[in-house]
Every structure is written in C-alpha cells, then in structure tokens.
Amino acid sequence: MSAVREFGRALTQPLGSPAAALQTFIEVPFELDGRKLIPDGLIRATRGQKSWTALVEVKTGSNELQSEQLENYLDVAREFGYDAVITISNEISPLPGQHPTTIDRKKLKKVALHHWSWSEVLCEVVMQKEHRGVADPEQAWILGELIRYLEHPRSGAMAFEDMGQAWVPLREAVQARTLRATDKIAPDVVLRFEALLRFAGLQLGRRLGTEVTPALSRKELAEPQLRLAKQLNQLVGDGKLAGGIRIPDTVGTLHVTADLRAGTVICGVDLEAPKEGRPATRINWLLRQLKNAPDSVRLEAFVAHGRGAGASELLGAVRANPALLIADPQKEIRGFRVEISAPMGAKRGTGRSSFIDSVLNAVSSFYEEIVQNLKPWAATPPKIRAETAFVPPADVPVALVSTAPSSQDGPELETPAVVPERELSDAASLIPDELPVDA
C-alpha cells in the first residue's frame, strides 16, 4: 500500500484518509491496562495539519476474526486518538458497510471499524493495475506480483467457499415446508447468500474492470435488519433466496433467485420497451439483440396499466412467431423481462454440484450471453426537412406575387391565382371616392 501510491489511496481514501503518501508499519506493540497488544499493522497518512491513522488486523485461510480481539484494538485506537481499525480476512460482509463480526456498538462511538475481504483486495489490485493504470512501471510490476501471490492456492486468500453448517438442514426444511422464521438456522444462511452475491459482484467486476455493487435501496443500507427480515419472510413463504447486483451502463439490475424447492437458479433482467412502433415492432427490436442467445431463454412482455404477469414464452418459440408475446394487440407493450434458469447445486461447499458454483456460473453466463448484448432503446433524432424554393411562373410579374412558401408547405405548391391587370383596374373604378357616413 505504501509502495504503490495509487493502490494505497484507492483503498484508504474511501475510509476518510487524506490524499497523501502512506506510511505502513507491522506489529506495533501497545500497552493497555497492563496488557500488551500487538496488531498486525498500522497505517498513517499525513497531509498538512491533517493526520489519519488506522490499526490493521489480518486473518488468512479459514481463520475468523474474534470479537474480543477487535474490541481491544478499538480501545487502543480510542486511547491513542487513532481514527479507525481495519480488518482483512476471507469473511465477506453480507451488506456494504456491515462488519462480519459482532462488536459492542459502544466502542464504535469515536473509532470507525472497516472490513476488507481478500476478494475485495484482489479485485481492487486488478482494477488498479489493469484498468485504472499505474504511473510508475516498477510499481505496476509490484502490483502484478501481488496479484500472482493472492491468486496462489497457498496464499491463504481464498474465495467464498462455504454456505455454513446450517445450509443442509435449512435446504431440507424448505423442501419439507417445515421452516419457520424463528428457526436459528435461517438468518445464517440468508446472510451467507447476501455475501455470496457480493462475492459474485466482485468476481464479475474484476473481469469487467468496473465497480459492481449489490442492488439495495437506501433504506436497506441504512437498516440492514429490514433486508434480513424481508429475506427471511420470502425464504419461509416461497422457499426462495433472492437479490440483485448493479452493473454500470447496463439496461437494468441483474436479479438472482435461488428456488430451493424447485432446485433452480434463475437470473433475469428487466428492460424498457421502445416507446414507439407497433407491438410486433417492439418485440422484433428485442429479438434482434438476442440473436445469439439460446432458445431456452424465457421472455415476458408487460403491457401499460397491466397487473400481474404478462405474456410469457421461450425465445425459440418467439423467434418463430413473435405474436406469442402479444396478449392484446390494442395494448401498448411497455417492458420486457429476460430470464434463464439453471440447475441448482445442493452441496454447501465448492466444486461439482455445489450451490456456490451453480450461482456463480449462472451469473457469469447470463451476463456474458444476455446482459452485455442488450442496449436501451433510444428515439431516432428528428431530421430537418428539406426546404423547396418557390419559383413563380415566367408569365407572372414579380410585383404581383404577394405570398411566399411557408416552412410547413409541402413540395406540392399550387400556383396562386393571378388577376389580370385589366380586371384589377376595372374593379378599382367601381370603388367610390367617398364612403357613406353610415358605412
């Protein structure tokens, strides 16, 4: 972090650090209430009169962060006036800004607690080196070596690899329809599924070179318990785990649903239909963008002011007969839904027939085959009409042409009626010199 300036700033500035060169130290000893505490690292950034300092605690492999240890470091940071404590481990926070370890909130009044998963760190390294760039070639080489190290199986920086001990009993309870919202196994699986979606976004963002984030409302970010309660209700009622990820510059949110009763993983995206043209024209607009998609893709068309599900059919059938998506020719199609479904793995870990890999593969293939090929509709810019100059007939004096063509006249201009001069003089002689008073 201190050797590669751009990388260090990219990690620490979102946490409140000033844009300055970083100083980094390892295993700095502290004494607190007669105890000797040695965090794994310390980071300091100073710019002018402003100084920002954070303690760092690191875990690798399957080692998890301990609440007591972190609370001790928070006490040290408060005692010495430091700004934050940063943790790095293979644990992935279920929601942005939420720490994976339960901490006494009283200890967070003066010191901030931040967490990076090793997946986030690796994603940031790749984005900095491959997409944002590094000014110094030697520093770029250092980042390349860090990527090579973190991707090595023996580095201890693992990917998301386990749905937890509660996964199998929860899956069986959902299929037997015996799961209750008060069961202790449910919240753990819900939080791990949220973490899995975050990991899927990190993995996809690393390949795309952009920041992929969970699709959460402001209220859900501010009150994570609302999100947890919503997921629990859906899991108990429908046997589904659902969420979404946002990818910049795409047509919409990529929705992911794991149906534990049906044993399928469903990925979908909603997009607006063109605002002009007949229903068949709008459907053909979508089909042109899905020319390379498999026939098993499911399409659904929504009409304006309609309630419930719209007309739905597989892509292969719609290619042969686009009218299958037109439930009522008199109603305007306002949007489409494009979905694929894949078999869901049952195992809690990774590898063949695992739930984690089935979700990650579904997200990756759906983006590659569908989402990246979809573009939002844009209206055709209005065109300037060609102006046609009016040329009067050769036998008409210019002085008698009292009108000129309007900008709204079409090309078919009629020759104005021309009154001969003799008739004009005869008509003028009929006008009295003085009009009656009554007139």
Protein backbone atom coordinates (compact mmCIF):
# COMPACT_ATOMS: atom_id res chain seq x y z
CA MET A 1 0.00 0.00 0.00
CA SER A 2 2.85 2.39 0.72
CA ALA A 3 4.91 1.21 -2.29
CA VAL A 4 2.18 1.78 -4.89
CA ARG A 5 0.67 5.21 -4.32
CA GLU A 6 -2.42 4.80 -6.50
CA PHE A 7 -3.33 1.48 -4.89
CA GLY A 8 -2.89 2.76 -1.33
CA ARG A 9 -5.05 5.81 -2.00
CA ALA A 10 -7.76 3.75 -3.71
CA LEU A 11 -8.10 1.61 -0.58
CA THR A 12 -7.83 4.24 2.14
CA GLN A 13 -9.46 7.40 0.76
CA PRO A 14 -13.00 5.92 0.93
CA LEU A 15 -12.32 5.37 4.64
CA GLY A 16 -11.53 9.04 5.29
CA SER A 17 -7.78 9.14 4.68
CA PRO A 18 -6.34 12.30 3.08
CA ALA A 19 -4.80 12.04 -0.39
CA ALA A 20 -1.24 11.64 0.82
CA ALA A 21 1.60 9.13 0.77
CA LEU A 22 1.02 6.27 3.22
CA GLN A 23 3.35 5.16 5.98
CA THR A 24 2.91 1.50 6.94
CA PHE A 25 4.26 -0.43 9.94
CA ILE A 26 3.92 -4.06 11.08
CA GLU A 27 3.38 -5.47 14.57
CA VAL A 28 3.47 -2.21 16.51
CA PRO A 29 3.27 -3.03 20.27
CA PHE A 30 0.85 -1.22 22.61
CA GLU A 31 0.11 -1.44 26.30
CA LEU A 32 -3.42 -1.03 27.63
CA ASP A 33 -4.41 -1.65 31.25
CA GLY A 34 -1.28 -3.71 31.84
CA ARG A 35 -1.84 -5.86 28.75
CA LYS A 36 0.46 -5.99 25.75
CA LEU A 37 -1.42 -5.80 22.46
CA ILE A 38 0.24 -6.19 19.05
CA PRO A 39 -1.94 -5.50 15.99
CA ASP A 40 -0.70 -6.86 12.68
CA GLY A 41 -0.16 -3.40 11.19
CA LEU A 42 -0.58 0.36 11.35
CA ILE A 43 -1.29 2.79 8.50
CA ARG A 44 -0.77 6.55 8.65
CA ALA A 45 -1.43 9.30 6.13
CA THR A 46 -0.48 12.94 6.81
CA ARG A 47 -1.23 15.96 4.69
CA GLY A 48 -0.69 19.42 6.10
CA GLN A 49 -2.28 19.61 9.54
CA LYS A 50 -4.47 16.56 8.95
CA SER A 51 -3.31 13.12 10.03
CA TRP A 52 -5.23 9.83 9.72
CA THR A 53 -4.15 6.61 11.48
CA ALA A 54 -5.64 3.11 11.44
CA LEU A 55 -4.73 -0.18 13.10
CA VAL A 56 -4.89 -3.32 10.94
CA GLU A 57 -5.79 -6.91 11.88
CA VAL A 58 -5.31 -9.67 9.29
CA LYS A 59 -6.61 -13.25 9.10
CA THR A 60 -5.94 -15.78 6.33
CA GLY A 61 -7.34 -19.16 5.40
CA SER A 62 -10.34 -20.26 7.43
CA ASN A 63 -9.34 -18.21 10.49
CA GLU A 64 -12.12 -15.88 11.60
CA LEU A 65 -11.96 -12.50 13.33
CA GLN A 66 -12.53 -12.55 17.09
CA SER A 67 -14.81 -10.03 18.79
CA GLU A 68 -12.69 -9.72 21.93
CA GLN A 69 -9.51 -9.06 19.97
CA LEU A 70 -11.14 -6.41 17.81
CA GLU A 71 -12.68 -4.68 20.80
CA ASN A 72 -9.24 -4.50 22.42
CA TYR A 73 -7.84 -2.83 19.29
CA LEU A 74 -10.75 -0.39 19.27
CA ASP A 75 -9.85 0.52 22.88
CA VAL A 76 -6.22 1.06 21.84
CA ALA A 77 -7.26 3.27 18.94
CA ARG A 78 -9.52 5.35 21.18
CA GLU A 79 -6.80 5.67 23.82
CA PHE A 80 -4.19 6.95 21.33
CA GLY A 81 -6.58 9.07 19.30
CA TYR A 82 -6.46 6.92 16.16
CA ASP A 83 -9.24 7.11 13.59
CA ALA A 84 -10.05 3.54 12.60
CA VAL A 85 -9.45 -0.18 12.87
CA ILE A 86 -9.28 -2.13 9.58
CA THR A 87 -9.75 -5.90 9.38
CA ILE A 88 -8.81 -8.16 6.45
CA SER A 89 -9.99 -11.77 6.23
CA ASN A 90 -11.76 -14.22 3.93
CA GLU A 91 -15.08 -13.36 5.57
CA ILE A 92 -17.32 -11.33 3.26
CA SER A 93 -19.69 -8.76 4.73
CA PRO A 94 -23.30 -9.59 3.82
CA LEU A 95 -24.10 -5.91 3.23
CA PRO A 96 -21.90 -2.91 2.34
CA GLY A 97 -20.70 -1.12 5.47
CA GLN A 98 -21.65 -4.01 7.76
CA HIS A 99 -18.87 -5.82 9.60
CA PRO A 100 -18.97 -9.64 9.59
CA THR A 101 -18.06 -9.77 13.31
CA THR A 102 -20.44 -8.75 16.08
CA ILE A 103 -18.95 -5.83 18.03
CA ASP A 104 -20.16 -3.81 21.02
CA ARG A 105 -21.54 -0.68 19.35
CA LYS A 106 -20.46 1.49 22.30
CA LYS A 107 -16.85 1.01 21.23
CA LEU A 108 -17.60 2.49 17.80
CA LYS A 109 -18.55 5.97 19.00
CA LYS A 110 -15.10 7.50 18.44
CA VAL A 111 -13.34 4.91 16.29
CA ALA A 112 -14.56 3.56 12.94
CA LEU A 113 -14.39 -0.16 12.14
CA HIS A 114 -13.86 -1.18 8.50
CA HIS A 115 -13.53 -4.56 6.81
CA TRP A 116 -11.95 -5.75 3.57
CA SER A 117 -12.29 -9.31 2.34
CA TRP A 118 -9.33 -10.73 0.48
CA SER A 119 -11.61 -10.90 -2.56
CA GLU A 120 -12.16 -7.14 -2.34
CA VAL A 121 -8.44 -6.51 -2.03
CA LEU A 122 -7.69 -8.71 -5.05
CA CYS A 123 -10.44 -7.01 -7.04
CA GLU A 124 -9.01 -3.59 -6.19
CA VAL A 125 -5.49 -4.68 -7.19
CA VAL A 126 -6.67 -5.96 -10.58
CA MET A 127 -8.74 -2.87 -11.30
CA GLN A 128 -5.87 -0.55 -10.38
CA LYS A 129 -3.28 -2.35 -12.48
CA GLU A 130 -5.33 -3.44 -15.50
CA HIS A 131 -7.96 -0.72 -15.81
CA ARG A 132 -7.07 2.48 -13.94
CA GLY A 133 -3.33 2.18 -14.51
CA VAL A 134 -0.16 2.89 -12.52
CA ALA A 135 2.19 5.71 -13.49
CA ASP A 136 5.44 4.04 -12.41
CA PRO A 137 6.33 0.82 -14.29
CA GLU A 138 8.14 -0.62 -11.25
CA GLN A 139 5.10 -0.01 -9.07
CA ALA A 140 2.92 -1.69 -11.70
CA TRP A 141 5.25 -4.70 -11.55
CA ILE A 142 4.81 -4.82 -7.76
CA LEU A 143 1.02 -4.94 -8.18
CA GLY A 144 1.43 -7.75 -10.70
CA GLU A 145 3.41 -9.75 -8.16
CA LEU A 146 0.73 -9.10 -5.51
CA ILE A 147 -1.95 -10.42 -7.89
CA ARG A 148 0.13 -13.53 -8.57
CA TYR A 149 0.59 -14.08 -4.83
CA LEU A 150 -3.05 -13.59 -3.84
CA GLU A 151 -4.28 -15.92 -6.61
CA HIS A 152 -1.96 -18.72 -5.45
CA PRO A 153 -3.82 -21.51 -3.58
CA ARG A 154 -1.35 -21.42 -0.70
CA SER A 155 -1.58 -17.67 -0.08
CA GLY A 156 -4.48 -18.09 2.35
CA ALA A 157 -6.55 -15.55 0.41
CA MET A 158 -9.40 -17.84 -0.51
CA ALA A 159 -12.63 -17.23 -2.36
CA PHE A 160 -16.14 -17.73 -1.00
CA GLU A 161 -16.15 -21.47 -0.31
CA ASP A 162 -18.78 -22.43 2.26
CA MET A 163 -22.50 -21.84 2.87
CA GLY A 164 -22.09 -22.87 6.51
CA GLN A 165 -23.25 -25.75 8.68
CA ALA A 166 -26.87 -24.57 8.57
CA TRP A 167 -27.16 -24.96 4.77
CA VAL A 168 -28.08 -28.66 4.55
CA PRO A 169 -30.70 -28.68 7.38
CA LEU A 170 -32.22 -25.46 6.03
CA ARG A 171 -32.45 -26.82 2.49
CA GLU A 172 -34.18 -29.94 3.79
CA ALA A 173 -36.58 -27.89 5.94
CA VAL A 174 -37.52 -25.71 2.96
CA GLN A 175 -38.27 -28.73 0.80
CA ALA A 176 -40.33 -30.30 3.60
CA ARG A 177 -42.11 -26.92 4.18
CA THR A 178 -41.27 -27.06 7.89
CA LEU A 179 -39.04 -23.99 8.06
CA ARG A 180 -40.13 -21.20 10.41
CA ALA A 181 -38.91 -17.61 10.57
CA THR A 182 -37.88 -18.16 14.19
CA ASP A 183 -35.54 -21.06 13.33
CA LYS A 184 -31.97 -20.17 14.23
CA ILE A 185 -30.53 -21.73 11.06
CA ALA A 186 -32.35 -19.33 8.71
CA PRO A 187 -30.56 -15.99 9.43
CA ASP A 188 -27.10 -17.52 8.98
CA VAL A 189 -27.95 -18.90 5.52
CA VAL A 190 -29.60 -15.62 4.46
CA LEU A 191 -26.51 -13.62 5.43
CA ARG A 192 -24.23 -16.07 3.62
CA PHE A 193 -26.36 -15.78 0.49
CA GLU A 194 -26.03 -11.98 0.66
CA ALA A 195 -22.26 -12.43 1.00
CA LEU A 196 -22.31 -14.81 -1.98
CA LEU A 197 -23.99 -12.13 -4.13
CA ARG A 198 -21.34 -9.61 -3.06
CA PHE A 199 -18.64 -12.11 -4.00
CA ALA A 200 -20.31 -12.71 -7.38
CA GLY A 201 -20.31 -8.94 -7.96
CA LEU A 202 -16.63 -8.66 -7.00
CA GLN A 203 -15.72 -11.52 -9.32
CA LEU A 204 -17.69 -10.03 -12.21
CA GLY A 205 -16.36 -6.52 -11.55
CA ARG A 206 -12.79 -7.77 -11.61
CA ARG A 207 -13.35 -9.18 -15.11
CA LEU A 208 -15.20 -6.10 -16.36
CA GLY A 209 -12.94 -3.51 -14.77
CA THR A 210 -15.81 -1.67 -13.11
CA GLU A 211 -17.44 -1.49 -9.70
CA VAL A 212 -20.32 -3.96 -9.37
CA THR A 213 -22.43 -3.37 -6.27
CA PRO A 214 -25.38 -5.07 -4.53
CA ALA A 215 -28.78 -3.77 -5.59
CA LEU A 216 -30.03 -2.33 -2.30
CA SER A 217 -32.29 0.59 -1.52
CA ARG A 218 -31.16 3.42 0.73
CA LYS A 219 -33.49 2.18 3.43
CA GLU A 220 -31.99 -1.32 3.28
CA LEU A 221 -28.48 0.11 3.51
CA ALA A 222 -29.43 2.27 6.49
CA GLU A 223 -31.37 -0.52 8.26
CA PRO A 224 -29.88 -3.95 7.42
CA GLN A 225 -32.41 -5.69 9.68
CA LEU A 226 -35.20 -4.75 7.27
CA ARG A 227 -33.36 -6.52 4.48
CA LEU A 228 -32.81 -9.59 6.69
CA ALA A 229 -36.49 -9.72 7.71
CA LYS A 230 -37.63 -9.44 4.09
CA GLN A 231 -35.34 -12.27 3.01
CA LEU A 232 -36.49 -14.49 5.89
CA ASN A 233 -40.15 -13.98 5.02
CA GLN A 234 -39.53 -14.87 1.38
CA LEU A 235 -37.47 -17.92 2.32
CA VAL A 236 -40.16 -19.25 4.68
CA GLY A 237 -43.10 -18.39 2.41
CA ASP A 238 -41.78 -19.24 -1.07
CA GLY A 239 -38.61 -21.18 -0.40
CA LYS A 240 -36.55 -18.63 -2.33
CA LEU A 241 -33.41 -16.59 -1.73
CA ALA A 242 -33.29 -13.51 -3.95
CA GLY A 243 -31.13 -10.47 -4.56
CA GLY A 244 -29.55 -8.42 -7.29
CA ILE A 245 -26.38 -6.70 -8.43
CA ARG A 246 -25.94 -3.41 -10.28
CA ILE A 247 -23.50 -3.20 -13.16
CA PRO A 248 -22.76 0.28 -14.57
CA ASP A 249 -24.02 1.15 -18.06
CA THR A 250 -26.30 -1.90 -18.39
CA VAL A 251 -30.03 -1.92 -19.13
CA GLY A 252 -31.02 -2.83 -15.57
CA THR A 253 -30.33 -4.72 -12.36
CA LEU A 254 -29.24 -8.34 -12.71
CA HIS A 255 -31.66 -10.26 -10.47
CA VAL A 256 -30.66 -13.61 -8.95
CA THR A 257 -33.16 -16.03 -7.38
CA ALA A 258 -32.34 -19.41 -5.84
CA ASP A 259 -35.51 -21.51 -5.70
CA LEU A 260 -34.73 -24.16 -3.08
CA ARG A 261 -37.99 -26.05 -3.68
CA ALA A 262 -37.66 -26.24 -7.45
CA GLY A 263 -33.88 -26.71 -7.32
CA THR A 264 -33.14 -23.96 -9.86
CA VAL A 265 -31.12 -20.75 -10.05
CA ILE A 266 -32.85 -18.01 -12.04
CA CYS A 267 -31.07 -14.93 -13.41
CA GLY A 268 -33.06 -12.16 -15.06
CA VAL A 269 -33.09 -8.54 -16.14
CA ASP A 270 -35.95 -6.11 -16.84
CA LEU A 271 -35.68 -3.51 -19.60
CA GLU A 272 -37.96 -0.88 -21.07
CA ALA A 273 -39.54 -1.45 -24.48
CA PRO A 274 -39.31 1.14 -27.28
CA LYS A 275 -41.79 3.97 -26.86
CA GLU A 276 -42.87 3.94 -30.48
CA GLY A 277 -43.97 1.35 -33.02
CA ARG A 278 -46.48 -1.48 -33.05
CA PRO A 279 -46.25 -4.39 -30.54
CA ALA A 280 -44.64 -6.64 -33.16
CA THR A 281 -42.05 -3.95 -33.94
CA ARG A 282 -41.08 -3.71 -30.26
CA ILE A 283 -40.76 -7.47 -29.94
CA ASN A 284 -38.56 -7.66 -33.04
CA TRP A 285 -36.35 -4.94 -31.54
CA LEU A 286 -35.67 -7.26 -28.59
CA LEU A 287 -35.20 -10.35 -30.76
CA ARG A 288 -32.50 -8.63 -32.83
CA GLN A 289 -30.48 -8.09 -29.66
CA LEU A 290 -30.90 -11.73 -28.59
CA LYS A 291 -29.85 -13.26 -31.91
CA ASN A 292 -27.03 -15.26 -30.27
CA ALA A 293 -28.93 -16.20 -27.09
CA PRO A 294 -30.03 -19.83 -26.51
CA ASP A 295 -33.61 -20.86 -27.31
CA SER A 296 -34.18 -21.75 -23.63
CA VAL A 297 -34.23 -18.07 -22.57
CA ARG A 298 -37.64 -17.08 -21.20
CA LEU A 299 -39.21 -13.82 -22.37
CA GLU A 300 -42.07 -11.94 -20.77
CA ALA A 301 -43.82 -8.84 -22.12
CA PHE A 302 -45.55 -6.31 -19.84
CA VAL A 303 -48.28 -4.00 -21.11
CA ALA A 304 -49.09 -0.49 -19.93
CA HIS A 305 -51.52 -0.33 -16.99
CA GLY A 306 -51.45 -4.12 -16.75
CA ARG A 307 -51.41 -6.05 -13.50
CA GLY A 308 -49.75 -9.35 -12.76
CA ALA A 309 -47.67 -11.42 -15.13
CA GLY A 310 -47.56 -10.64 -18.81
CA ALA A 311 -47.45 -12.91 -21.85
CA SER A 312 -44.53 -15.32 -21.47
CA GLU A 313 -42.81 -17.73 -23.87
CA LEU A 314 -39.42 -19.25 -24.63
CA LEU A 315 -37.14 -17.41 -27.01
CA GLY A 316 -37.10 -20.25 -29.55
CA ALA A 317 -40.87 -20.13 -29.94
CA VAL A 318 -40.95 -16.33 -30.12
CA ARG A 319 -38.37 -16.35 -32.89
CA ALA A 320 -40.73 -18.49 -34.95
CA ASN A 321 -43.84 -16.50 -34.01
CA PRO A 322 -43.36 -13.08 -32.33
CA ALA A 323 -47.14 -12.79 -31.87
CA LEU A 324 -46.89 -15.22 -28.93
CA LEU A 325 -45.86 -12.28 -26.73
CA ILE A 326 -48.83 -10.14 -27.79
CA ALA A 327 -51.70 -10.88 -25.42
CA ASP A 328 -53.77 -7.90 -26.58
CA PRO A 329 -52.88 -6.04 -29.81
CA GLN A 330 -54.72 -2.95 -28.55
CA LYS A 331 -52.45 -2.55 -25.51
CA GLU A 332 -49.02 -0.96 -25.56
CA ILE A 333 -46.01 -3.08 -24.56
CA ARG A 334 -44.03 -1.08 -22.01
CA GLY A 335 -41.28 -3.51 -20.97
CA PHE A 336 -39.70 -6.94 -21.18
CA ARG A 337 -38.18 -9.46 -18.78
CA VAL A 338 -35.41 -11.79 -19.94
CA GLU A 339 -34.57 -14.81 -17.76
CA ILE A 340 -32.56 -18.00 -17.78
CA SER A 341 -32.74 -20.89 -15.31
CA ALA A 342 -30.08 -23.43 -14.42
CA PRO A 343 -29.96 -26.46 -12.09
CA MET A 344 -29.10 -25.54 -8.50
CA GLY A 345 -26.31 -27.40 -6.72
CA ALA A 346 -27.04 -28.93 -3.33
CA LYS A 347 -23.61 -29.09 -1.67
CA ARG A 348 -22.61 -26.43 0.85
CA GLY A 349 -19.02 -26.08 -0.41
CA THR A 350 -17.50 -25.56 -3.82
CA GLY A 351 -16.90 -27.85 -6.76
CA ARG A 352 -19.18 -30.03 -8.82
CA SER A 353 -22.88 -29.97 -7.80
CA SER A 354 -22.27 -27.20 -5.24
CA PHE A 355 -24.71 -24.38 -4.59
CA ILE A 356 -22.00 -21.70 -4.65
CA ASP A 357 -20.62 -22.68 -8.06
CA SER A 358 -24.10 -23.03 -9.56
CA VAL A 359 -24.92 -19.43 -8.58
CA LEU A 360 -21.57 -18.02 -9.72
CA ASN A 361 -21.74 -19.84 -13.07
CA ALA A 362 -25.33 -18.71 -13.67
CA VAL A 363 -24.49 -15.06 -13.00
CA SER A 364 -21.40 -15.15 -15.21
CA SER A 365 -23.06 -16.91 -18.17
CA PHE A 366 -26.21 -14.78 -18.01
CA TYR A 367 -24.17 -11.57 -18.16
CA GLU A 368 -21.99 -12.88 -20.98
CA GLU A 369 -24.80 -14.30 -23.12
CA ILE A 370 -27.58 -11.80 -22.42
CA VAL A 371 -26.92 -8.62 -20.44
CA GLN A 372 -23.81 -7.36 -22.20
CA ASN A 373 -25.62 -7.60 -25.55
CA LEU A 374 -28.68 -5.59 -24.51
CA LYS A 375 -28.84 -1.86 -25.19
CA PRO A 376 -31.55 0.55 -24.03
CA TRP A 377 -33.89 1.93 -26.66
CA ALA A 378 -33.20 5.46 -27.91
CA ALA A 379 -35.53 7.55 -30.05
CA THR A 380 -34.37 8.49 -33.55
CA PRO A 381 -33.30 12.17 -33.63
CA PRO A 382 -35.70 14.39 -35.63
CA LYS A 383 -34.47 15.32 -39.12
CA ILE A 384 -34.56 18.77 -40.73
CA ARG A 385 -36.99 18.98 -43.61
CA ALA A 386 -35.55 19.94 -46.96
CA GLU A 387 -36.71 23.42 -48.00
CA THR A 388 -38.17 23.82 -51.55
CA ALA A 389 -37.80 27.26 -53.06
CA PHE A 390 -40.94 28.60 -54.79
CA VAL A 391 -40.38 29.70 -58.39
CA PRO A 392 -43.28 31.74 -59.88
CA PRO A 393 -44.34 31.11 -63.48
CA ALA A 394 -42.42 33.06 -66.09
CA ASP A 395 -45.50 34.96 -67.36
CA VAL A 396 -46.40 36.40 -63.91
CA PRO A 397 -44.85 39.75 -62.93
CA VAL A 398 -42.84 39.57 -59.70
CA ALA A 399 -44.72 42.55 -58.27
CA LEU A 400 -47.97 40.59 -58.31
CA VAL A 401 -46.61 37.64 -56.26
CA SER A 402 -47.87 38.56 -52.77
CA THR A 403 -47.14 35.31 -50.95
CA ALA A 404 -44.09 33.12 -50.39
CA PRO A 405 -43.99 29.45 -49.40
CA SER A 406 -44.19 28.62 -45.65
CA SER A 407 -41.68 26.37 -43.90
CA GLN A 408 -44.55 23.93 -43.38
CA ASP A 409 -45.55 23.79 -47.05
CA GLY A 410 -45.00 20.52 -48.81
CA PRO A 411 -43.26 20.12 -52.14
CA GLU A 412 -46.61 20.26 -53.98
CA LEU A 413 -47.10 24.04 -54.11
CA GLU A 414 -50.05 25.38 -56.04
CA THR A 415 -49.59 28.38 -58.33
CA PRO A 416 -51.51 31.28 -56.77
CA ALA A 417 -54.36 32.68 -58.80
CA VAL A 418 -53.23 35.75 -60.80
CA VAL A 419 -55.70 38.52 -61.56
CA PRO A 420 -55.04 40.29 -64.92
CA GLU A 421 -54.20 43.98 -64.73
CA ARG A 422 -57.28 44.97 -66.79
CA GLU A 423 -59.64 43.30 -64.30
CA LEU A 424 -57.84 44.98 -61.39
CA SER A 425 -58.30 48.45 -62.98
CA ASP A 426 -61.99 47.74 -63.69
CA ALA A 427 -62.54 46.68 -60.09
CA ALA A 428 -60.79 49.80 -58.81
CA SER A 429 -63.13 52.05 -60.85
CA LEU A 430 -66.14 50.64 -59.02
CA ILE A 431 -64.89 51.84 -55.60
CA PRO A 432 -66.46 55.26 -54.76
CA ASP A 433 -64.25 58.14 -53.85
CA GLU A 434 -66.06 58.64 -50.57
CA LEU A 435 -67.89 56.07 -48.49
CA PRO A 436 -71.25 56.87 -46.88
CA VAL A 437 -71.10 58.01 -43.27
CA ASP A 438 -73.16 55.03 -42.15
CA ALA A 439 -70.59 52.73 -43.63
